[in-house]
Structure formats: structure tokens, C-alpha cells
Amino acid sequence: MADHAPEGRVAAGPARRAVADDAAPAGGPFATVRKQAAGGGGAALGVWAAVVCAVALGVAGLVGILLHQPWIFPSLGPTLMVLLETPGQPAARPRNVLVGHAVAVAAGYLALVVAGLRTAPAVVQAGLDGRYVMSAVIALAGTVVVLQVLHMPHPPAGATTLIVALGILKTPGDLVVIVLAVVLVTIVATAANVAAMVRQTGVTDARRPSRG
């Protein structure tokens, strides 16, 4: 009858289709990358991460060149490495990345104000003294506490807050650029993970909706 599968064939019910869908990403050109990203790492993941890092930094750099603004700074490096090398960690959740750097910028600027360094030259020009040490301590401690209270850890934010607290990037325009650059590289890296079907916390780790 119409309700029965033809002889020699097995009916593909919802459960069977769900299993097939879950198994689909196992193959393809990025299978090894996905496996290594899930734990342990490896050469394939390293090459993949390096290529995406190069693209993300290249795009950010191009924007910076066109706008004559510092769209590349040290903390973008560890942020991209977290997103691409350890995408399953909580720190790789895009929300953690964006909130982490925003908190870092705010804490760094507050530390500059408290230390009386808002209009002072950067530490690389003035040299390290007690005020810069105090600014760095306040900024990093504040960033750590706030991100833990919010349950949004993102270690690379520690580099961002020191960049601000030490006066390397500190003008309002610089602070906006820091946040925008973080948003840009996060979008590029996350889009790459989605395209390669690499599981990333907060992006591709949600349960599939029930088909029953």
C-alpha cells in the first residue's frame, strides 16, 4: 500500500533523517579541521586558523589604511586564536568576545583617569613609573572582576585593557576603533567557522529543533 516503503528499501522516518543530518558534517574537506577543533588541535586546524587569521587581519588592516586609524592592535591576535583554535570554549562565544573587550576598554580608560594619565603620553614614550603601574593594576583587576561577575570570560580582553591603561590607544576615537575592530574580526572568524561547520560555542552548538 501507499503507506509501506517499496520492497528492498527502508522507510526514512524522522529519526533516521535526524541521524543522517547529524552525521552529514563528518565528511567533506573540513572534516579534519572540525575534528581537531573539537579537541587536541593539529596541523590542519593550524593551517585553517592561520588562513582565517590572515584574512581577518587583512580586512581590518585595509579598513585602517583607508580610514587612517589603528584597526590592528595586539589583542586582536589572541582573540582570533581563541575563536579559531578553541572555538568550543566559553571564551569563544561572540557575546563573550564583544562584552569582554568593551569592558576592557571602559576599565582601561577609567584606570587612566584615576591614575591621572588621561592626557599623559603613552608609557612607551614617558617610561614606566608608579602611575602607569597603578593604572595597569586597576584596569586588569577591574576587567577580571567584571567579566567573572557577568560570567563572560574572555582572556584576550586583558591585553586590550592594558593597551588603554598604558596610554597606547586612549583617545575616544581610538576606543571606538578598538570595539569596531573586535566586532569586525569576530564576524569574519565566526562566519568562517559557520562556513566550515566548525562547532563554536554560542553559534553552532545549539540543539536542532525537533522534527517530530
Protein backbone atom coordinates (compact mmCIF):
# COMPACT_ATOMS: atom_id res chain seq x y z
CA MET A 1 0.00 0.00 0.00
CA ALA A 2 0.95 3.69 -0.17
CA ASP A 3 1.88 3.68 3.50
CA HIS A 4 4.53 1.00 3.05
CA ALA A 5 8.05 1.50 1.67
CA PRO A 6 8.82 -0.34 -1.58
CA GLU A 7 10.27 -3.81 -1.14
CA GLY A 8 14.03 -3.77 -0.58
CA ARG A 9 14.00 -0.20 0.70
CA VAL A 10 13.83 1.15 4.24
CA ALA A 11 11.45 4.00 5.01
CA ALA A 12 13.28 7.19 6.00
CA GLY A 13 11.41 8.33 9.10
CA PRO A 14 12.11 11.49 11.14
CA ALA A 15 14.56 9.67 13.43
CA ARG A 16 16.57 8.29 10.50
CA ARG A 17 16.67 11.72 8.80
CA ALA A 18 17.82 13.36 12.04
CA VAL A 19 20.66 10.85 12.35
CA ALA A 20 21.66 11.47 8.73
CA ASP A 21 21.63 15.25 9.29
CA ASP A 22 23.81 14.97 12.39
CA ALA A 23 26.26 12.75 10.55
CA ALA A 24 26.44 14.92 7.42
CA PRO A 25 29.20 17.30 8.61
CA ALA A 26 31.51 14.36 9.32
CA GLY A 27 32.85 14.33 5.77
CA GLY A 28 33.98 17.00 3.36
CA PRO A 29 37.20 18.99 3.04
CA PHE A 30 36.98 20.41 6.59
CA ALA A 31 36.34 17.14 8.41
CA THR A 32 39.83 17.05 9.91
CA VAL A 33 39.62 20.70 10.91
CA ARG A 34 36.33 20.05 12.71
CA LYS A 35 37.74 17.02 14.48
CA GLN A 36 40.87 18.85 15.61
CA ALA A 37 38.89 21.92 16.69
CA ALA A 38 36.78 19.69 18.92
CA GLY A 39 39.84 18.78 20.95
CA GLY A 40 43.58 18.31 20.76
CA GLY A 41 44.34 20.56 17.80
CA GLY A 42 46.61 19.61 14.92
CA ALA A 43 48.23 20.74 11.72
CA ALA A 44 45.02 21.04 9.71
CA LEU A 45 43.43 23.26 12.35
CA GLY A 46 46.61 25.31 12.49
CA VAL A 47 46.60 25.95 8.75
CA TRP A 48 42.87 26.74 8.78
CA ALA A 49 43.25 29.15 11.71
CA ALA A 50 46.27 30.81 10.11
CA VAL A 51 44.43 31.43 6.84
CA VAL A 52 41.36 32.87 8.55
CA CYS A 53 43.54 35.00 10.86
CA ALA A 54 45.32 36.37 7.81
CA VAL A 55 42.03 37.22 6.13
CA ALA A 56 40.55 38.83 9.25
CA LEU A 57 43.64 40.93 9.97
CA GLY A 58 43.98 41.79 6.29
CA VAL A 59 40.42 43.12 6.20
CA ALA A 60 40.92 45.06 9.44
CA GLY A 61 44.21 46.43 8.17
CA LEU A 62 42.66 47.53 4.89
CA VAL A 63 39.92 49.39 6.76
CA GLY A 64 42.56 51.01 8.95
CA ILE A 65 44.61 52.11 5.95
CA LEU A 66 41.58 53.59 4.21
CA LEU A 67 40.41 55.41 7.34
CA HIS A 68 43.89 56.25 8.67
CA GLN A 69 43.01 54.64 12.00
CA PRO A 70 44.63 51.90 14.16
CA TRP A 71 42.37 48.97 13.27
CA ILE A 72 45.12 46.47 14.11
CA PHE A 73 46.42 46.19 17.68
CA PRO A 74 47.94 43.36 19.77
CA SER A 75 44.82 41.94 21.43
CA LEU A 76 43.21 41.08 18.08
CA GLY A 77 45.75 38.26 17.76
CA PRO A 78 44.77 36.28 20.86
CA THR A 79 41.10 36.96 20.19
CA LEU A 80 41.33 35.38 16.74
CA MET A 81 43.31 32.46 18.15
CA VAL A 82 40.61 31.77 20.74
CA LEU A 83 37.84 31.97 18.13
CA LEU A 84 39.59 29.69 15.65
CA GLU A 85 41.81 27.35 17.68
CA THR A 86 39.49 26.73 20.65
CA PRO A 87 36.00 27.50 19.28
CA GLY A 88 34.34 25.18 21.77
CA GLN A 89 35.49 27.17 24.80
CA PRO A 90 33.19 29.69 26.54
CA ALA A 91 35.68 32.44 25.72
CA ALA A 92 34.96 31.88 22.02
CA ARG A 93 31.30 32.81 22.37
CA PRO A 94 30.85 36.02 20.32
CA ARG A 95 28.99 37.65 23.18
CA ASN A 96 31.94 36.98 25.49
CA VAL A 97 34.32 38.46 22.94
CA LEU A 98 32.37 41.67 22.42
CA VAL A 99 31.43 42.24 26.06
CA GLY A 100 34.94 41.32 27.17
CA HIS A 101 36.65 43.93 25.03
CA ALA A 102 34.01 46.58 25.76
CA VAL A 103 34.52 46.09 29.50
CA ALA A 104 38.28 46.13 28.96
CA VAL A 105 38.13 49.46 27.13
CA ALA A 106 35.97 51.01 29.85
CA ALA A 107 38.16 49.69 32.67
CA GLY A 108 41.33 50.84 30.95
CA TYR A 109 40.02 54.34 30.42
CA LEU A 110 38.74 54.57 33.99
CA ALA A 111 42.18 53.48 35.22
CA LEU A 112 43.81 56.23 33.16
CA VAL A 113 41.54 58.81 34.74
CA VAL A 114 42.09 57.52 38.29
CA ALA A 115 45.87 57.48 37.79
CA GLY A 116 45.86 61.00 36.33
CA LEU A 117 47.23 59.82 32.98
CA ARG A 118 44.39 60.77 30.63
CA THR A 119 46.46 63.49 28.93
CA ALA A 120 49.89 61.97 29.58
CA PRO A 121 51.95 60.39 26.80
CA ALA A 122 51.94 56.63 26.33
CA VAL A 123 54.15 54.54 28.58
CA VAL A 124 56.44 53.72 25.65
CA GLN A 125 57.24 57.42 25.37
CA ALA A 126 57.20 58.52 29.01
CA GLY A 127 58.71 55.42 30.54
CA LEU A 128 57.22 53.21 33.24
CA ASP A 129 56.55 54.76 36.62
CA GLY A 130 54.24 54.21 39.58
CA ARG A 131 51.25 55.85 37.94
CA TYR A 132 51.35 53.55 34.93
CA VAL A 133 51.72 50.53 37.20
CA MET A 134 48.69 51.67 39.21
CA SER A 135 46.71 52.23 36.02
CA ALA A 136 47.58 48.76 34.72
CA VAL A 137 46.66 47.08 38.00
CA ILE A 138 43.32 48.87 38.27
CA ALA A 139 42.43 48.15 34.64
CA LEU A 140 43.28 44.45 34.67
CA ALA A 141 41.78 43.75 38.08
CA GLY A 142 38.61 45.60 37.16
CA THR A 143 38.26 43.76 33.87
CA VAL A 144 38.74 40.35 35.50
CA VAL A 145 36.21 41.03 38.26
CA VAL A 146 33.51 42.42 35.98
CA LEU A 147 33.79 39.62 33.41
CA GLN A 148 33.63 36.98 36.11
CA VAL A 149 30.59 38.62 37.70
CA LEU A 150 28.95 38.64 34.26
CA HIS A 151 30.06 35.02 33.63
CA MET A 152 31.61 36.13 30.34
CA PRO A 153 35.33 35.26 30.47
CA HIS A 154 37.49 36.28 27.54
CA PRO A 155 41.22 36.33 28.44
CA PRO A 156 42.38 38.37 25.41
CA ALA A 157 40.43 41.30 26.87
CA GLY A 158 43.26 41.56 29.41
CA ALA A 159 45.55 42.74 26.62
CA THR A 160 43.04 45.34 25.45
CA THR A 161 42.63 46.88 28.88
CA LEU A 162 46.42 47.22 29.27
CA ILE A 163 46.70 48.83 25.84
CA VAL A 164 44.28 51.51 27.04
CA ALA A 165 45.54 51.76 30.63
CA LEU A 166 49.11 52.32 29.47
CA GLY A 167 48.03 55.10 27.12
CA ILE A 168 48.90 53.31 23.88
CA LEU A 169 45.40 53.79 22.49
CA LYS A 170 43.33 56.14 24.63
CA THR A 171 41.51 58.87 22.70
CA PRO A 172 37.74 58.50 22.31
CA GLY A 173 38.26 57.80 18.62
CA ASP A 174 40.83 55.09 19.43
CA LEU A 175 38.45 53.42 21.87
CA VAL A 176 35.66 53.30 19.29
CA VAL A 177 38.07 51.81 16.75
CA ILE A 178 39.10 49.09 19.22
CA VAL A 179 35.49 47.99 19.66
CA LEU A 180 34.70 48.16 15.94
CA ALA A 181 37.82 46.20 15.01
CA VAL A 182 36.91 43.50 17.53
CA VAL A 183 33.40 43.32 16.04
CA LEU A 184 34.87 43.01 12.53
CA VAL A 185 37.32 40.19 13.25
CA THR A 186 34.72 38.36 15.32
CA ILE A 187 32.30 38.44 12.40
CA VAL A 188 34.97 37.19 9.98
CA ALA A 189 36.16 34.36 12.24
CA THR A 190 32.66 33.28 13.24
CA ALA A 191 31.48 33.31 9.62
CA ALA A 192 34.44 31.12 8.70
CA ASN A 193 33.59 28.65 11.46
CA VAL A 194 29.97 28.50 10.32
CA ALA A 195 31.01 28.01 6.68
CA ALA A 196 33.31 25.14 7.65
CA MET A 197 30.71 23.72 10.06
CA VAL A 198 33.15 24.02 12.95
CA ARG A 199 31.27 23.92 16.23
CA GLN A 200 31.62 27.25 18.05
CA THR A 201 30.14 27.95 21.46
CA GLY A 202 27.15 30.26 21.27
CA VAL A 203 26.91 29.96 17.48
CA THR A 204 26.73 26.41 16.15
CA ASP A 205 26.29 24.45 19.37
CA ALA A 206 22.53 24.90 19.72
CA ARG A 207 20.32 21.85 19.63
CA ARG A 208 18.46 21.18 16.40
CA PRO A 209 14.72 21.88 16.64
CA SER A 210 12.59 18.77 16.98
CA ARG A 211 11.13 17.48 13.73
CA GLY A 212 8.58 15.28 15.40
